[in-house]
Each structure stands twice: as C-alpha cells, then as structure tokens.
Amino acid sequence: MTTVTIVVPLKIRQWGGRKAIIAPDGTPLSPGTAQCVAIHTHGDPTLVKALARAHRWRRMLEAGEHGTARELANAERVNETYICRALRLTLLAPDMVEAILDGRQPEGMTLPALMAGVAVEWGEQLAQVHPAKNPPTEGRCRAVR
C-alpha cells in the first residue's frame, strides 16, 4: 500500500463572522463544488457597513443636520465615542477604501485596527495597518485639495 500526500496551499479567513477559503492567488473559493470555482465577494460586511455609516454620519454633520457628535449619537442611538472613532474611517486613503469594498484588504486591516486610529497621511496608513509587508513610502498617495 502506497500513501500519497497532497498539499494544497489554502488559507481560511474569517470575514464578518463567516469563513472563506482563499486560494494562493488571493481568490475566494466556494467550498463543496467539484472544481471549487471562484466566487465573487464585495468585502468584509462589517468593514463595509462601518465605512458606509461613517460617511453617512460625516455628511449629516457637514450638512448641519446635527451640530455635534453627541447630538448625532443621541439621534442614532449609539455611543458618542463609537461615532468619533468611526468618523476616522472617512480619512482613509481611496486605495484602502477600494480594497475594503472589493475584499482585497490585508489581513491586518480589521475594523478594530482601523478604529483604534490610523495615520492621517495616506502614504503611512497602509504601513500602519500592515507594517511587515508595506514599508512607508514618501509621496505614495496624493492629498485631495
């Protein structure tokens, strides 16, 4: 009797309470199919929801619907501290927002990590979230004027 061992380099990643199988090229795979066909994803639902809320809250504050974060927190029935931390997400570099919405964010880019605080400079943000793979670079992202 001969034993054959097959090694398949896969990752199992948790996204918003669900697990996904990730192929070596970073493609999410659908388990239970004979060919394990790639499936399309639109990012971590937790991160996407937090981004959407943060931008909505910022628009409400800028439009004058609520004068302060405290008034907004009372109206939305959430903690004022949570709103203030979530509003930081509106400062993320467009590349990072796009990666989150497409589900391509690095493993270190989680909601708790982002809400703990990120650098204001876009070029430093990715390095802060995932320092081992992304050393800081000068002039990588341009500020919007």
Protein backbone atom coordinates (compact mmCIF):
# COMPACT_ATOMS: atom_id res chain seq x y z
CA MET A 1 0.00 0.00 0.00
CA THR A 2 1.34 3.43 -1.01
CA THR A 3 0.40 6.67 0.71
CA VAL A 4 0.18 9.82 -1.34
CA THR A 5 0.04 13.18 0.39
CA ILE A 6 -1.35 16.15 -1.50
CA VAL A 7 -0.64 19.62 -0.16
CA VAL A 8 -2.91 22.45 -1.26
CA PRO A 9 -1.81 25.91 -0.07
CA LEU A 10 -5.09 27.44 1.09
CA LYS A 11 -5.95 30.00 3.73
CA ILE A 12 -9.11 30.11 5.77
CA ARG A 13 -10.05 33.70 6.50
CA GLN A 14 -12.89 34.96 8.67
CA TRP A 15 -14.93 37.79 7.15
CA GLY A 16 -17.72 39.28 9.21
CA GLY A 17 -18.42 36.09 11.15
CA ARG A 18 -18.21 33.84 8.08
CA LYS A 19 -15.26 31.80 6.93
CA ALA A 20 -13.92 31.85 3.39
CA ILE A 21 -11.34 29.65 1.70
CA ILE A 22 -8.69 31.74 -0.05
CA ALA A 23 -6.62 30.30 -2.91
CA PRO A 24 -2.87 31.04 -3.20
CA ASP A 25 -3.60 33.85 -5.68
CA GLY A 26 -5.95 35.53 -3.17
CA THR A 27 -9.18 34.41 -4.87
CA PRO A 28 -12.04 33.35 -2.57
CA LEU A 29 -13.17 29.79 -3.33
CA SER A 30 -16.58 28.21 -2.97
CA PRO A 31 -16.33 25.01 -0.91
CA GLY A 32 -18.39 21.96 -1.75
CA THR A 33 -18.04 22.11 -5.52
CA ALA A 34 -16.05 19.62 -7.57
CA GLN A 35 -13.88 22.30 -9.16
CA CYS A 36 -14.00 24.76 -6.27
CA VAL A 37 -14.96 27.60 -8.63
CA ALA A 38 -14.01 31.13 -7.64
CA ILE A 39 -16.79 33.22 -6.12
CA HIS A 40 -17.16 36.99 -6.16
CA THR A 41 -17.16 38.91 -2.92
CA HIS A 42 -17.73 42.52 -2.05
CA GLY A 43 -15.60 42.72 1.04
CA ASP A 44 -15.99 42.19 4.74
CA PRO A 45 -19.58 43.17 5.57
CA THR A 46 -18.53 44.57 8.95
CA LEU A 47 -15.95 46.92 7.43
CA VAL A 48 -18.20 47.92 4.54
CA LYS A 49 -21.07 48.74 6.91
CA ALA A 50 -18.79 50.76 9.19
CA LEU A 51 -17.42 52.73 6.21
CA ALA A 52 -20.91 53.46 4.95
CA ARG A 53 -22.10 54.60 8.38
CA ALA A 54 -19.04 56.80 8.90
CA HIS A 55 -19.51 58.58 5.57
CA ARG A 56 -23.23 59.00 6.21
CA TRP A 57 -22.55 60.46 9.64
CA ARG A 58 -19.94 62.83 8.24
CA ARG A 59 -22.39 64.06 5.59
CA MET A 60 -25.01 64.62 8.31
CA LEU A 61 -22.58 66.66 10.40
CA GLU A 62 -21.36 68.67 7.42
CA ALA A 63 -24.93 69.37 6.28
CA GLY A 64 -25.76 70.71 9.72
CA GLU A 65 -28.40 68.07 10.49
CA HIS A 66 -26.63 67.64 13.83
CA GLY A 67 -24.35 70.19 15.42
CA THR A 68 -22.11 67.85 17.39
CA ALA A 69 -21.10 64.20 17.59
CA ARG A 70 -23.07 63.99 20.84
CA GLU A 71 -26.30 65.14 19.13
CA LEU A 72 -25.66 62.69 16.31
CA ALA A 73 -25.01 59.87 18.79
CA ASN A 74 -28.29 60.59 20.58
CA ALA A 75 -30.21 60.66 17.28
CA GLU A 76 -28.59 57.44 16.03
CA ARG A 77 -28.80 55.77 19.47
CA VAL A 78 -25.13 54.81 19.50
CA ASN A 79 -22.25 55.72 21.76
CA GLU A 80 -20.63 59.10 21.08
CA THR A 81 -17.17 57.53 21.34
CA TYR A 82 -18.08 54.99 18.67
CA ILE A 83 -19.18 57.76 16.32
CA CYS A 84 -15.96 59.69 16.87
CA ARG A 85 -13.84 56.60 16.20
CA ALA A 86 -15.95 55.62 13.18
CA LEU A 87 -15.57 59.10 11.68
CA ARG A 88 -11.83 58.39 11.42
CA LEU A 89 -12.69 55.89 8.69
CA THR A 90 -13.62 58.82 6.43
CA LEU A 91 -9.92 59.78 6.42
CA LEU A 92 -8.79 56.52 4.81
CA ALA A 93 -6.88 56.71 1.54
CA PRO A 94 -9.03 55.98 -1.52
CA ASP A 95 -6.84 52.94 -2.30
CA MET A 96 -7.63 51.49 1.13
CA VAL A 97 -11.37 52.16 0.79
CA GLU A 98 -11.39 50.49 -2.61
CA ALA A 99 -9.52 47.46 -1.24
CA ILE A 100 -12.05 47.14 1.61
CA LEU A 101 -15.03 47.39 -0.74
CA ASP A 102 -13.50 44.82 -3.12
CA GLY A 103 -12.49 42.47 -0.30
CA ARG A 104 -8.78 42.87 -1.07
CA GLN A 105 -7.70 44.42 2.23
CA PRO A 106 -4.68 42.90 4.01
CA GLU A 107 -5.37 40.59 6.94
CA GLY A 108 -4.23 43.23 9.42
CA MET A 109 -6.83 45.69 8.18
CA THR A 110 -9.70 44.93 10.54
CA LEU A 111 -12.37 47.19 11.96
CA PRO A 112 -10.83 47.23 15.46
CA ALA A 113 -7.41 48.07 14.00
CA LEU A 114 -8.80 50.89 11.88
CA MET A 115 -10.96 52.32 14.64
CA ALA A 116 -8.04 52.33 17.06
CA GLY A 117 -6.66 55.10 14.90
CA VAL A 118 -4.87 55.41 11.61
CA ALA A 119 -2.35 57.91 10.35
CA VAL A 120 -3.71 60.98 8.61
CA GLU A 121 -1.13 60.78 5.81
CA TRP A 122 -2.37 58.36 3.17
CA GLY A 123 1.12 57.07 2.45
CA GLU A 124 1.56 55.98 6.08
CA GLN A 125 -1.85 54.36 6.55
CA LEU A 126 -1.20 51.02 4.87
CA ALA A 127 2.18 50.71 6.59
CA GLN A 128 0.48 51.30 9.95
CA VAL A 129 -2.19 48.66 9.38
CA HIS A 130 0.17 46.05 7.92
CA PRO A 131 3.76 47.11 8.70
CA ALA A 132 5.57 43.88 7.77
CA LYS A 133 4.54 43.96 4.11
CA ASN A 134 4.21 47.67 3.43
CA PRO A 135 7.10 49.90 4.45
CA PRO A 136 6.26 53.59 4.49
CA THR A 137 6.93 55.36 1.21
CA GLU A 138 7.20 59.05 0.52
CA GLY A 139 4.68 60.56 -1.85
CA ARG A 140 2.82 57.33 -2.49
CA CYS A 141 -0.60 58.96 -2.27
CA ARG A 142 -1.58 62.50 -3.06
CA ALA A 143 -3.80 64.60 -0.83
CA VAL A 144 -7.06 65.90 -2.26
CA ARG A 145 -7.34 69.68 -2.36
